[in-house]
Structures are given as structure tokens and as C-alpha cells.
Amino acid sequence: FYRAGLSRAPLQPQARITLAQLYLASRRPDLAQNLLIQRIDDLAADEAYLRSVLRFLIEFQYDAELAELCRRLLAQPNQPHRPLLAQHAATVAFHRGDYDRAESLLLAEKLDQFQ
């Protein structure tokens, strides 16, 4: 039912999140991950959706996918959510022991200062 609806409205972020939650309830995080990442370039402007995807990737330890997603989206010149993406990319780098990369990501977006 949800997959049929999503095929009719593929850019509906709430439908993607709901279907991903059903996949998780069925113990299929792999399907949830694939669903959430599909069309991310089209949905990245939706901050709530982007936060949900990033949170999912961190929670289920999809580090490589998260690092690649952040790298790709940060490369876009008009990306409105650069600090959010840089923070998540730095978190992945830190967890992988790449402390210099984590620090450079934070410095590049001026996230090293408390406000």
C-alpha cells in the first residue's frame, strides 16, 4: 500500500519516512536505508527529512553511506544545510579516528565556536 503510494508521489518525504519505519519494524534496516537515500538530492532541501536521514544513518552505523552523502551534498554550492551536514560528516570522521578531518570539517563551517 505505502510503496504504491510512494511510486505515485516519490518526492513525498513523510511517506518515505513512514515506509522506512515499517521496514524497520520488519527488521529490514537495509530496505529503510535504500529508501531514505533514494532521491536524496531532490529532498535535501527539506531540513526535517534530511535530519531524519542523517539520524537514521548514524543510529544504524551506516558510516560509509553517511560520509558519502555528506561529501556529495556539501559539494553543492547552494546547499542550505551546510552546518548540519558538516557536523554529521565530522561525527563520522571522529568515530573512524580521523580527527584531523573532523576538525577541518568543523573549522570550514566555523562550527568550532560556541555561541
PDB file of N, CA and C in Angstrom:
ATOM      1  N   PHE A   1       0.825  -1.195   0.000  1.00  0.00           N
ATOM      2  CA  PHE A   1       0.000   0.000   0.000  1.00  0.00           C
ATOM      3  C   PHE A   1       0.870   1.260   0.000  1.00  0.00           C
ATOM      4  N   TYR A   2       1.802   1.338   0.945  1.00  0.00           N
ATOM      5  CA  TYR A   2       2.664   2.521   1.023  1.00  0.00           C
ATOM      6  C   TYR A   2       3.611   2.618  -0.171  1.00  0.00           C
ATOM      7  N   ARG A   3       4.135   1.481  -0.623  1.00  0.00           N
ATOM      8  CA  ARG A   3       5.022   1.505  -1.782  1.00  0.00           C
ATOM      9  C   ARG A   3       4.287   1.990  -3.022  1.00  0.00           C
ATOM     10  N   ALA A   4       3.024   1.582  -3.171  1.00  0.00           N
ATOM     11  CA  ALA A   4       2.233   2.037  -4.317  1.00  0.00           C
ATOM     12  C   ALA A   4       2.020   3.540  -4.243  1.00  0.00           C
ATOM     13  N   GLY A   5       1.712   4.041  -3.068  1.00  0.00           N
ATOM     14  CA  GLY A   5       1.535   5.486  -2.898  1.00  0.00           C
ATOM     15  C   GLY A   5       2.816   6.251  -3.145  1.00  0.00           C
ATOM     16  N   LEU A   6       3.912   5.687  -2.690  1.00  0.00           N
ATOM     17  CA  LEU A   6       5.206   6.346  -2.880  1.00  0.00           C
ATOM     18  C   LEU A   6       5.603   6.356  -4.348  1.00  0.00           C
ATOM     19  N   SER A   7       5.213   5.338  -5.088  1.00  0.00           N
ATOM     20  CA  SER A   7       5.531   5.329  -6.517  1.00  0.00           C
ATOM     21  C   SER A   7       4.765   6.423  -7.257  1.00  0.00           C
ATOM     22  N   ARG A   8       3.624   6.819  -6.719  1.00  0.00           N
ATOM     23  CA  ARG A   8       2.841   7.902  -7.336  1.00  0.00           C
ATOM     24  C   ARG A   8       3.339   9.284  -6.916  1.00  0.00           C
ATOM     25  N   ALA A   9       3.910   9.365  -5.728  1.00  0.00           N
ATOM     26  CA  ALA A   9       4.422  10.643  -5.219  1.00  0.00           C
ATOM     27  C   ALA A   9       5.811  10.407  -4.617  1.00  0.00           C
ATOM     28  N   PRO A  10       6.823  10.199  -5.459  1.00  0.00           N
ATOM     29  CA  PRO A  10       8.146   9.814  -4.957  1.00  0.00           C
ATOM     30  C   PRO A  10       8.876  10.897  -4.154  1.00  0.00           C
ATOM     31  N   LEU A  11       8.424  12.122  -4.256  1.00  0.00           N
ATOM     32  CA  LEU A  11       9.096  13.202  -3.527  1.00  0.00           C
ATOM     33  C   LEU A  11       8.334  13.600  -2.264  1.00  0.00           C
ATOM     34  N   GLN A  12       7.518  12.711  -1.749  1.00  0.00           N
ATOM     35  CA  GLN A  12       6.761  12.959  -0.527  1.00  0.00           C
ATOM     36  C   GLN A  12       7.595  12.466   0.665  1.00  0.00           C
ATOM     37  N   PRO A  13       8.234  13.389   1.386  1.00  0.00           N
ATOM     38  CA  PRO A  13       9.161  12.960   2.437  1.00  0.00           C
ATOM     39  C   PRO A  13       8.495  12.175   3.569  1.00  0.00           C
ATOM     40  N   GLN A  14       7.303  12.573   3.973  1.00  0.00           N
ATOM     41  CA  GLN A  14       6.659  11.869   5.086  1.00  0.00           C
ATOM     42  C   GLN A  14       6.301  10.433   4.700  1.00  0.00           C
ATOM     43  N   ALA A  15       5.921  10.221   3.460  1.00  0.00           N
ATOM     44  CA  ALA A  15       5.627   8.860   3.000  1.00  0.00           C
ATOM     45  C   ALA A  15       6.891   8.002   3.047  1.00  0.00           C
ATOM     46  N   ARG A  16       8.023   8.584   2.674  1.00  0.00           N
ATOM     47  CA  ARG A  16       9.280   7.838   2.718  1.00  0.00           C
ATOM     48  C   ARG A  16       9.638   7.478   4.160  1.00  0.00           C
ATOM     49  N   ILE A  17       9.463   8.417   5.068  1.00  0.00           N
ATOM     50  CA  ILE A  17       9.791   8.162   6.474  1.00  0.00           C
ATOM     51  C   ILE A  17       8.871   7.088   7.046  1.00  0.00           C
ATOM     52  N   THR A  18       7.585   7.162   6.732  1.00  0.00           N
ATOM     53  CA  THR A  18       6.628   6.176   7.236  1.00  0.00           C
ATOM     54  C   THR A  18       6.946   4.781   6.715  1.00  0.00           C
ATOM     55  N   LEU A  19       7.230   4.668   5.434  1.00  0.00           N
ATOM     56  CA  LEU A  19       7.574   3.366   4.868  1.00  0.00           C
ATOM     57  C   LEU A  19       8.887   2.846   5.454  1.00  0.00           C
ATOM     58  N   ALA A  20       9.847   3.725   5.667  1.00  0.00           N
ATOM     59  CA  ALA A  20      11.112   3.318   6.289  1.00  0.00           C
ATOM     60  C   ALA A  20      10.868   2.792   7.708  1.00  0.00           C
ATOM     61  N   GLN A  21       9.958   3.415   8.438  1.00  0.00           N
ATOM     62  CA  GLN A  21       9.629   2.941   9.787  1.00  0.00           C
ATOM     63  C   GLN A  21       8.991   1.557   9.744  1.00  0.00           C
ATOM     64  N   LEU A  22       8.169   1.316   8.727  1.00  0.00           N
ATOM     65  CA  LEU A  22       7.585  -0.019   8.563  1.00  0.00           C
ATOM     66  C   LEU A  22       8.665  -1.052   8.244  1.00  0.00           C
ATOM     67  N   TYR A  23       9.624  -0.672   7.415  1.00  0.00           N
ATOM     68  CA  TYR A  23      10.743  -1.570   7.128  1.00  0.00           C
ATOM     69  C   TYR A  23      11.531  -1.873   8.407  1.00  0.00           C
ATOM     70  N   LEU A  24      11.743  -0.859   9.226  1.00  0.00           N
ATOM     71  CA  LEU A  24      12.470  -1.079  10.479  1.00  0.00           C
ATOM     72  C   LEU A  24      11.682  -1.991  11.411  1.00  0.00           C
ATOM     73  N   ALA A  25      10.374  -1.812  11.457  1.00  0.00           N
ATOM     74  CA  ALA A  25       9.543  -2.684  12.289  1.00  0.00           C
ATOM     75  C   ALA A  25       9.606  -4.128  11.805  1.00  0.00           C
ATOM     76  N   SER A  26       9.871  -4.309  10.522  1.00  0.00           N
ATOM     77  CA  SER A  26      10.017  -5.650   9.935  1.00  0.00           C
ATOM     78  C   SER A  26      11.465  -6.135   9.997  1.00  0.00           C
ATOM     79  N   ARG A  27      12.294  -5.400  10.726  1.00  0.00           N
ATOM     80  CA  ARG A  27      13.721  -5.729  10.890  1.00  0.00           C
ATOM     81  C   ARG A  27      14.469  -5.734   9.557  1.00  0.00           C
ATOM     82  N   ARG A  28      14.186  -4.718   8.759  1.00  0.00           N
ATOM     83  CA  ARG A  28      14.854  -4.574   7.461  1.00  0.00           C
ATOM     84  C   ARG A  28      15.466  -3.175   7.332  1.00  0.00           C
ATOM     85  N   PRO A  29      16.484  -2.879   8.126  1.00  0.00           N
ATOM     86  CA  PRO A  29      17.117  -1.559   8.016  1.00  0.00           C
ATOM     87  C   PRO A  29      17.771  -1.329   6.662  1.00  0.00           C
ATOM     88  N   ASP A  30      18.147  -2.409   5.973  1.00  0.00           N
ATOM     89  CA  ASP A  30      18.742  -2.268   4.649  1.00  0.00           C
ATOM     90  C   ASP A  30      17.744  -1.663   3.664  1.00  0.00           C
ATOM     91  N   LEU A  31      16.497  -2.123   3.724  1.00  0.00           N
ATOM     92  CA  LEU A  31      15.462  -1.560   2.849  1.00  0.00           C
ATOM     93  C   LEU A  31      15.153  -0.110   3.235  1.00  0.00           C
ATOM     94  N   ALA A  32      15.135   0.151   4.531  1.00  0.00           N
ATOM     95  CA  ALA A  32      14.887   1.519   5.001  1.00  0.00           C
ATOM     96  C   ALA A  32      15.996   2.450   4.520  1.00  0.00           C
ATOM     97  N   GLN A  33      17.231   2.000   4.623  1.00  0.00           N
ATOM     98  CA  GLN A  33      18.366   2.813   4.192  1.00  0.00           C
ATOM     99  C   GLN A  33      18.284   3.113   2.699  1.00  0.00           C
ATOM    100  N   ASN A  34      18.006   2.099   1.898  1.00  0.00           N
ATOM    101  CA  ASN A  34      17.891   2.315   0.452  1.00  0.00           C
ATOM    102  C   ASN A  34      16.787   3.298   0.122  1.00  0.00           C
ATOM    103  N   LEU A  35      15.652   3.149   0.785  1.00  0.00           N
ATOM    104  CA  LEU A  35      14.516   4.032   0.538  1.00  0.00           C
ATOM    105  C   LEU A  35      14.837   5.480   0.905  1.00  0.00           C
ATOM    106  N   LEU A  36      15.463   5.675   2.059  1.00  0.00           N
ATOM    107  CA  LEU A  36      15.744   7.032   2.524  1.00  0.00           C
ATOM    108  C   LEU A  36      16.788   7.732   1.657  1.00  0.00           C
ATOM    109  N   ILE A  37      17.738   6.977   1.135  1.00  0.00           N
ATOM    110  CA  ILE A  37      18.802   7.565   0.323  1.00  0.00           C
ATOM    111  C   ILE A  37      18.341   7.859  -1.103  1.00  0.00           C
ATOM    112  N   GLN A  38      17.417   7.047  -1.615  1.00  0.00           N
ATOM    113  CA  GLN A  38      16.906   7.301  -2.968  1.00  0.00           C
ATOM    114  C   GLN A  38      16.315   8.703  -3.029  1.00  0.00           C
ATOM    115  N   ARG A  39      16.628   9.410  -4.069  1.00  0.00           N
ATOM    116  CA  ARG A  39      16.086  10.752  -4.330  1.00  0.00           C
ATOM    117  C   ARG A  39      16.507  11.792  -3.284  1.00  0.00           C
ATOM    118  N   ILE A  40      17.572  11.508  -2.541  1.00  0.00           N
ATOM    119  CA  ILE A  40      18.006  12.450  -1.504  1.00  0.00           C
ATOM    120  C   ILE A  40      18.419  13.784  -2.100  1.00  0.00           C
ATOM    121  N   ASP A  41      18.953  13.770  -3.310  1.00  0.00           N
ATOM    122  CA  ASP A  41      19.335  15.039  -3.930  1.00  0.00           C
ATOM    123  C   ASP A  41      18.107  15.922  -4.154  1.00  0.00           C
ATOM    124  N   ASP A  42      16.967  15.313  -4.443  1.00  0.00           N
ATOM    125  CA  ASP A  42      15.739  16.070  -4.647  1.00  0.00           C
ATOM    126  C   ASP A  42      15.094  16.500  -3.335  1.00  0.00           C
ATOM    127  N   LEU A  43      15.370  15.755  -2.272  1.00  0.00           N
ATOM    128  CA  LEU A  43      14.702  16.014  -0.990  1.00  0.00           C
ATOM    129  C   LEU A  43      15.599  16.699   0.041  1.00  0.00           C
ATOM    130  N   ALA A  44      16.846  16.976  -0.299  1.00  0.00           N
ATOM    131  CA  ALA A  44      17.799  17.518   0.674  1.00  0.00           C
ATOM    132  C   ALA A  44      17.444  18.915   1.151  1.00  0.00           C
ATOM    133  N   ALA A  45      16.615  19.633   0.420  1.00  0.00           N
ATOM    134  CA  ALA A  45      16.224  20.974   0.855  1.00  0.00           C
ATOM    135  C   ALA A  45      15.253  20.920   2.030  1.00  0.00           C
ATOM    136  N   ASP A  46      14.597  19.794   2.220  1.00  0.00           N
ATOM    137  CA  ASP A  46      13.664  19.608   3.340  1.00  0.00           C
ATOM    138  C   ASP A  46      14.486  19.250   4.583  1.00  0.00           C
ATOM    139  N   GLU A  47      14.663  20.216   5.467  1.00  0.00           N
ATOM    140  CA  GLU A  47      15.544  20.017   6.613  1.00  0.00           C
ATOM    141  C   GLU A  47      15.069  18.886   7.525  1.00  0.00           C
ATOM    142  N   ALA A  48      13.778  18.766   7.749  1.00  0.00           N
ATOM    143  CA  ALA A  48      13.265  17.710   8.621  1.00  0.00           C
ATOM    144  C   ALA A  48      13.576  16.336   8.036  1.00  0.00           C
ATOM    145  N   TYR A  49      13.401  16.192   6.737  1.00  0.00           N
ATOM    146  CA  TYR A  49      13.708  14.916   6.089  1.00  0.00           C
ATOM    147  C   TYR A  49      15.202  14.634   6.158  1.00  0.00           C
ATOM    148  N   LEU A  50      16.002  15.644   5.853  1.00  0.00           N
ATOM    149  CA  LEU A  50      17.457  15.469   5.883  1.00  0.00           C
ATOM    150  C   LEU A  50      17.914  15.062   7.281  1.00  0.00           C
ATOM    151  N   ARG A  51      17.385  15.703   8.304  1.00  0.00           N
ATOM    152  CA  ARG A  51      17.730  15.343   9.685  1.00  0.00           C
ATOM    153  C   ARG A  51      17.357  13.894   9.983  1.00  0.00           C
ATOM    154  N   SER A  52      16.182  13.473   9.516  1.00  0.00           N
ATOM    155  CA  SER A  52      15.738  12.096   9.746  1.00  0.00           C
ATOM    156  C   SER A  52      16.683  11.105   9.086  1.00  0.00           C
ATOM    157  N   VAL A  53      17.091  11.400   7.862  1.00  0.00           N
ATOM    158  CA  VAL A  53      18.000  10.501   7.139  1.00  0.00           C
ATOM    159  C   VAL A  53      19.353  10.446   7.841  1.00  0.00           C
ATOM    160  N   LEU A  54      19.894  11.594   8.210  1.00  0.00           N
ATOM    161  CA  LEU A  54      21.198  11.627   8.873  1.00  0.00           C
ATOM    162  C   LEU A  54      21.148  10.893  10.213  1.00  0.00           C
ATOM    163  N   ARG A  55      20.079  11.111  10.969  1.00  0.00           N
ATOM    164  CA  ARG A  55      19.912  10.440  12.269  1.00  0.00           C
ATOM    165  C   ARG A  55      19.843   8.914  12.069  1.00  0.00           C
ATOM    166  N   PHE A  56      19.087   8.486  11.061  1.00  0.00           N
ATOM    167  CA  PHE A  56      18.983   7.057  10.770  1.00  0.00           C
ATOM    168  C   PHE A  56      20.356   6.468  10.437  1.00  0.00           C
ATOM    169  N   LEU A  57      21.093   7.131   9.570  1.00  0.00           N
ATOM    170  CA  LEU A  57      22.394   6.616   9.150  1.00  0.00           C
ATOM    171  C   LEU A  57      23.365   6.507  10.320  1.00  0.00           C
ATOM    172  N   ILE A  58      23.318   7.468  11.226  1.00  0.00           N
ATOM    173  CA  ILE A  58      24.195   7.397  12.402  1.00  0.00           C
ATOM    174  C   ILE A  58      23.729   6.285  13.339  1.00  0.00           C
ATOM    175  N   GLU A  59      22.429   6.231  13.594  1.00  0.00           N
ATOM    176  CA  GLU A  59      21.898   5.250  14.531  1.00  0.00           C
ATOM    177  C   GLU A  59      22.172   3.820  14.095  1.00  0.00           C
ATOM    178  N   PHE A  60      22.071   3.547  12.799  1.00  0.00           N
ATOM    179  CA  PHE A  60      22.275   2.189  12.303  1.00  0.00           C
ATOM    180  C   PHE A  60      23.689   1.973  11.762  1.00  0.00           C
ATOM    181  N   GLN A  61      24.570   2.915  12.054  1.00  0.00           N
ATOM    182  CA  GLN A  61      26.001   2.818  11.763  1.00  0.00           C
ATOM    183  C   GLN A  61      26.309   2.593  10.281  1.00  0.00           C
ATOM    184  N   TYR A  62      25.608   3.318   9.447  1.00  0.00           N
ATOM    185  CA  TYR A  62      25.924   3.333   8.018  1.00  0.00           C
ATOM    186  C   TYR A  62      26.931   4.457   7.778  1.00  0.00           C
ATOM    187  N   ASP A  63      28.115   4.296   8.367  1.00  0.00           N
ATOM    188  CA  ASP A  63      29.131   5.354   8.333  1.00  0.00           C
ATOM    189  C   ASP A  63      29.589   5.696   6.924  1.00  0.00           C
ATOM    190  N   ALA A  64      29.872   4.697   6.124  1.00  0.00           N
ATOM    191  CA  ALA A  64      30.364   4.963   4.767  1.00  0.00           C
ATOM    192  C   ALA A  64      29.319   5.699   3.941  1.00  0.00           C
ATOM    193  N   GLU A  65      28.071   5.278   4.063  1.00  0.00           N
ATOM    194  CA  GLU A  65      26.991   5.927   3.318  1.00  0.00           C
ATOM    195  C   GLU A  65      26.779   7.358   3.793  1.00  0.00           C
ATOM    196  N   LEU A  66      26.878   7.551   5.115  1.00  0.00           N
ATOM    197  CA  LEU A  66      26.715   8.894   5.675  1.00  0.00           C
ATOM    198  C   LEU A  66      27.841   9.809   5.217  1.00  0.00           C
ATOM    199  N   ALA A  67      29.065   9.316   5.254  1.00  0.00           N
ATOM    200  CA  ALA A  67      30.208  10.127   4.818  1.00  0.00           C
ATOM    201  C   ALA A  67      30.063  10.510   3.348  1.00  0.00           C
ATOM    202  N   GLU A  68      29.669   9.559   2.507  1.00  0.00           N
ATOM    203  CA  GLU A  68      29.499   9.828   1.078  1.00  0.00           C
ATOM    204  C   GLU A  68      28.357  10.818   0.837  1.00  0.00           C
ATOM    205  N   LEU A  69      27.262  10.637   1.532  1.00  0.00           N
ATOM    206  CA  LEU A  69      26.123  11.542   1.382  1.00  0.00           C
ATOM    207  C   LEU A  69      26.511  12.971   1.771  1.00  0.00           C
ATOM    208  N   CYS A  70      27.168  13.122   2.898  1.00  0.00           N
ATOM    209  CA  CYS A  70      27.588  14.452   3.346  1.00  0.00           C
ATOM    210  C   CYS A  70      28.578  15.067   2.363  1.00  0.00           C
ATOM    211  N   ARG A  71      29.529  14.270   1.892  1.00  0.00           N
ATOM    212  CA  ARG A  71      30.506  14.774   0.927  1.00  0.00           C
ATOM    213  C   ARG A  71      29.803  15.279  -0.329  1.00  0.00           C
ATOM    214  N   ARG A  72      28.875  14.494  -0.837  1.00  0.00           N
ATOM    215  CA  ARG A  72      28.174  14.863  -2.061  1.00  0.00           C
ATOM    216  C   ARG A  72      27.314  16.119  -1.870  1.00  0.00           C
ATOM    217  N   LEU A  73      26.589  16.186  -0.767  1.00  0.00           N
ATOM    218  CA  LEU A  73      25.721  17.345  -0.546  1.00  0.00           C
ATOM    219  C   LEU A  73      26.516  18.604  -0.186  1.00  0.00           C
ATOM    220  N   LEU A  74      27.626  18.436   0.526  1.00  0.00           N
ATOM    221  CA  LEU A  74      28.459  19.598   0.849  1.00  0.00           C
ATOM    222  C   LEU A  74      29.144  20.160  -0.393  1.00  0.00           C
ATOM    223  N   ALA A  75      29.283  19.348  -1.409  1.00  0.00           N
ATOM    224  CA  ALA A  75      29.902  19.819  -2.656  1.00  0.00           C
ATOM    225  C   ALA A  75      28.962  20.726  -3.461  1.00  0.00           C
ATOM    226  N   GLN A  76      27.690  20.692  -3.135  1.00  0.00           N
ATOM    227  CA  GLN A  76      26.735  21.557  -3.830  1.00  0.00           C
ATOM    228  C   GLN A  76      26.922  22.995  -3.343  1.00  0.00           C
ATOM    229  N   PRO A  77      27.112  23.951  -4.257  1.00  0.00           N
ATOM    230  CA  PRO A  77      27.438  25.318  -3.841  1.00  0.00           C
ATOM    231  C   PRO A  77      26.331  26.034  -3.065  1.00  0.00           C
ATOM    232  N   ASN A  78      25.090  25.736  -3.336  1.00  0.00           N
ATOM    233  CA  ASN A  78      23.994  26.450  -2.664  1.00  0.00           C
ATOM    234  C   ASN A  78      23.295  25.596  -1.618  1.00  0.00           C
ATOM    235  N   GLN A  79      24.006  24.683  -1.029  1.00  0.00           N
ATOM    236  CA  GLN A  79      23.418  23.795  -0.029  1.00  0.00           C
ATOM    237  C   GLN A  79      23.021  24.606   1.209  1.00  0.00           C
ATOM    238  N   PRO A  80      21.713  24.656   1.531  1.00  0.00           N
ATOM    239  CA  PRO A  80      21.266  25.480   2.659  1.00  0.00           C
ATOM    240  C   PRO A  80      21.566  24.873   4.030  1.00  0.00           C
ATOM    241  N   HIS A  81      21.903  23.608   4.091  1.00  0.00           N
ATOM    242  CA  HIS A  81      22.089  22.934   5.385  1.00  0.00           C
ATOM    243  C   HIS A  81      23.539  22.518   5.609  1.00  0.00           C
ATOM    244  N   ARG A  82      24.456  23.360   5.186  1.00  0.00           N
ATOM    245  CA  ARG A  82      25.882  23.048   5.290  1.00  0.00           C
ATOM    246  C   ARG A  82      26.323  22.750   6.729  1.00  0.00           C
ATOM    247  N   PRO A  83      25.931  23.556   7.721  1.00  0.00           N
ATOM    248  CA  PRO A  83      26.388  23.255   9.090  1.00  0.00           C
ATOM    249  C   PRO A  83      25.917  21.881   9.585  1.00  0.00           C
ATOM    250  N   LEU A  84      24.682  21.533   9.283  1.00  0.00           N
ATOM    251  CA  LEU A  84      24.140  20.237   9.687  1.00  0.00           C
ATOM    252  C   LEU A  84      24.932  19.104   9.043  1.00  0.00           C
ATOM    253  N   LEU A  85      25.183  19.216   7.762  1.00  0.00           N
ATOM    254  CA  LEU A  85      25.932  18.183   7.038  1.00  0.00           C
ATOM    255  C   LEU A  85      27.377  18.100   7.525  1.00  0.00           C
ATOM    256  N   ALA A  86      27.994  19.246   7.747  1.00  0.00           N
ATOM    257  CA  ALA A  86      29.382  19.257   8.219  1.00  0.00           C
ATOM    258  C   ALA A  86      29.493  18.638   9.608  1.00  0.00           C
ATOM    259  N   GLN A  87      28.520  18.902  10.450  1.00  0.00           N
ATOM    260  CA  GLN A  87      28.529  18.327  11.796  1.00  0.00           C
ATOM    261  C   GLN A  87      28.440  16.796  11.733  1.00  0.00           C
ATOM    262  N   HIS A  88      27.576  16.279  10.882  1.00  0.00           N
ATOM    263  CA  HIS A  88      27.448  14.830  10.753  1.00  0.00           C
ATOM    264  C   HIS A  88      28.691  14.211  10.091  1.00  0.00           C
ATOM    265  N   ALA A  89      29.224  14.890   9.093  1.00  0.00           N
ATOM    266  CA  ALA A  89      30.445  14.389   8.452  1.00  0.00           C
ATOM    267  C   ALA A  89      31.600  14.360   9.463  1.00  0.00           C
ATOM    268  N   ALA A  90      31.681  15.381  10.296  1.00  0.00           N
ATOM    269  CA  ALA A  90      32.726  15.427  11.323  1.00  0.00           C
ATOM    270  C   ALA A  90      32.519  14.321  12.356  1.00  0.00           C
ATOM    271  N   THR A  91      31.284  14.034  12.691  1.00  0.00           N
ATOM    272  CA  THR A  91      30.983  12.959  13.647  1.00  0.00           C
ATOM    273  C   THR A  91      31.466  11.616  13.107  1.00  0.00           C
ATOM    274  N   VAL A  92      31.196  11.351  11.835  1.00  0.00           N
ATOM    275  CA  VAL A  92      31.642  10.100  11.219  1.00  0.00           C
ATOM    276  C   VAL A  92      33.165  10.041  11.194  1.00  0.00           C
ATOM    277  N   ALA A  93      33.797  11.132  10.799  1.00  0.00           N
ATOM    278  CA  ALA A  93      35.260  11.158  10.757  1.00  0.00           C
ATOM    279  C   ALA A  93      35.839  10.911  12.151  1.00  0.00           C
ATOM    280  N   PHE A  94      35.241  11.519  13.158  1.00  0.00           N
ATOM    281  CA  PHE A  94      35.696  11.340  14.535  1.00  0.00           C
ATOM    282  C   PHE A  94      35.560   9.881  14.960  1.00  0.00           C
ATOM    283  N   HIS A  95      34.412   9.268  14.677  1.00  0.00           N
ATOM    284  CA  HIS A  95      34.188   7.869  15.063  1.00  0.00           C
ATOM    285  C   HIS A  95      35.139   6.922  14.349  1.00  0.00           C
ATOM    286  N   ARG A  96      35.585   7.313  13.175  1.00  0.00           N
ATOM    287  CA  ARG A  96      36.537   6.482  12.423  1.00  0.00           C
ATOM    288  C   ARG A  96      37.981   6.762  12.825  1.00  0.00           C
ATOM    289  N   GLY A  97      38.186   7.701  13.743  1.00  0.00           N
ATOM    290  CA  GLY A  97      39.537   8.018  14.198  1.00  0.00           C
ATOM    291  C   GLY A  97      40.265   9.019  13.335  1.00  0.00           C
ATOM    292  N   ASP A  98      39.569   9.632  12.396  1.00  0.00           N
ATOM    293  CA  ASP A  98      40.176  10.637  11.515  1.00  0.00           C
ATOM    294  C   ASP A  98      39.937  12.022  12.132  1.00  0.00           C
ATOM    295  N   TYR A  99      40.663  12.288  13.202  1.00  0.00           N
ATOM    296  CA  TYR A  99      40.437  13.502  13.992  1.00  0.00           C
ATOM    297  C   TYR A  99      40.791  14.766  13.229  1.00  0.00           C
ATOM    298  N   ASP A 100      41.817  14.715  12.397  1.00  0.00           N
ATOM    299  CA  ASP A 100      42.186  15.889  11.609  1.00  0.00           C
ATOM    300  C   ASP A 100      41.076  16.264  10.632  1.00  0.00           C
ATOM    301  N   ARG A 101      40.499  15.267   9.987  1.00  0.00           N
ATOM    302  CA  ARG A 101      39.392  15.524   9.055  1.00  0.00           C
ATOM    303  C   ARG A 101      38.188  16.082   9.804  1.00  0.00           C
ATOM    304  N   ALA A 102      37.875  15.530  10.959  1.00  0.00           N
ATOM    305  CA  ALA A 102      36.750  16.022  11.758  1.00  0.00           C
ATOM    306  C   ALA A 102      36.968  17.490  12.114  1.00  0.00           C
ATOM    307  N   GLU A 103      38.179  17.809  12.537  1.00  0.00           N
ATOM    308  CA  GLU A 103      38.478  19.188  12.904  1.00  0.00           C
ATOM    309  C   GLU A 103      38.399  20.114  11.694  1.00  0.00           C
ATOM    310  N   SER A 104      38.920  19.686  10.559  1.00  0.00           N
ATOM    311  CA  SER A 104      38.892  20.552   9.374  1.00  0.00           C
ATOM    312  C   SER A 104      37.459  20.796   8.896  1.00  0.00           C
ATOM    313  N   LEU A 105      36.594  19.799   9.010  1.00  0.00           N
ATOM    314  CA  LEU A 105      35.182  19.992   8.634  1.00  0.00           C
ATOM    315  C   LEU A 105      34.518  21.013   9.541  1.00  0.00           C
ATOM    316  N   LEU A 106      34.800  20.923  10.823  1.00  0.00           N
ATOM    317  CA  LEU A 106      34.213  21.881  11.768  1.00  0.00           C
ATOM    318  C   LEU A 106      34.746  23.288  11.553  1.00  0.00           C
ATOM    319  N   LEU A 107      36.048  23.390  11.286  1.00  0.00           N
ATOM    320  CA  LEU A 107      36.645  24.697  11.045  1.00  0.00           C
ATOM    321  C   LEU A 107      36.143  25.328   9.745  1.00  0.00           C
ATOM    322  N   ALA A 108      35.952  24.509   8.721  1.00  0.00           N
ATOM    323  CA  ALA A 108      35.498  25.021   7.412  1.00  0.00           C
ATOM    324  C   ALA A 108      34.130  25.661   7.524  1.00  0.00           C
ATOM    325  N   GLU A 109      33.286  25.152   8.378  1.00  0.00           N
ATOM    326  CA  GLU A 109      31.939  25.707   8.544  1.00  0.00           C
ATOM    327  C   GLU A 109      31.825  26.588   9.801  1.00  0.00           C
ATOM    328  N   LYS A 110      32.965  26.866  10.400  1.00  0.00           N
ATOM    329  CA  LYS A 110      33.020  27.708  11.605  1.00  0.00           C
ATOM    330  C   LYS A 110      32.143  27.147  12.726  1.00  0.00           C
ATOM    331  N   LEU A 111      32.192  25.831  12.885  1.00  0.00           N
ATOM    332  CA  LEU A 111      31.410  25.165  13.923  1.00  0.00           C
ATOM    333  C   LEU A 111      32.245  24.882  15.167  1.00  0.00           C
ATOM    334  N   ASP A 112      33.440  25.427  15.198  1.00  0.00           N
ATOM    335  CA  ASP A 112      34.321  25.188  16.334  1.00  0.00           C
ATOM    336  C   ASP A 112      34.103  26.185  17.459  1.00  0.00           C
ATOM    337  N   GLN A 113      33.201  27.120  17.278  1.00  0.00           N
ATOM    338  CA  GLN A 113      32.972  28.169  18.264  1.00  0.00           C
ATOM    339  C   GLN A 113      31.615  27.969  18.917  1.00  0.00           C
ATOM    340  N   PHE A 114      31.587  28.106  20.226  1.00  0.00           N
ATOM    341  CA  PHE A 114      30.319  28.033  20.953  1.00  0.00           C
ATOM    342  C   PHE A 114      29.611  29.366  20.800  1.00  0.00           C
ATOM    343  N   GLN A 115      28.320  29.291  20.704  1.00  0.00           N
ATOM    344  CA  GLN A 115      27.574  30.542  20.525  1.00  0.00           C
ATOM    345  C   GLN A 115      26.792  30.884  21.761  1.00  0.00           C
TER     346      GLN A 115
END
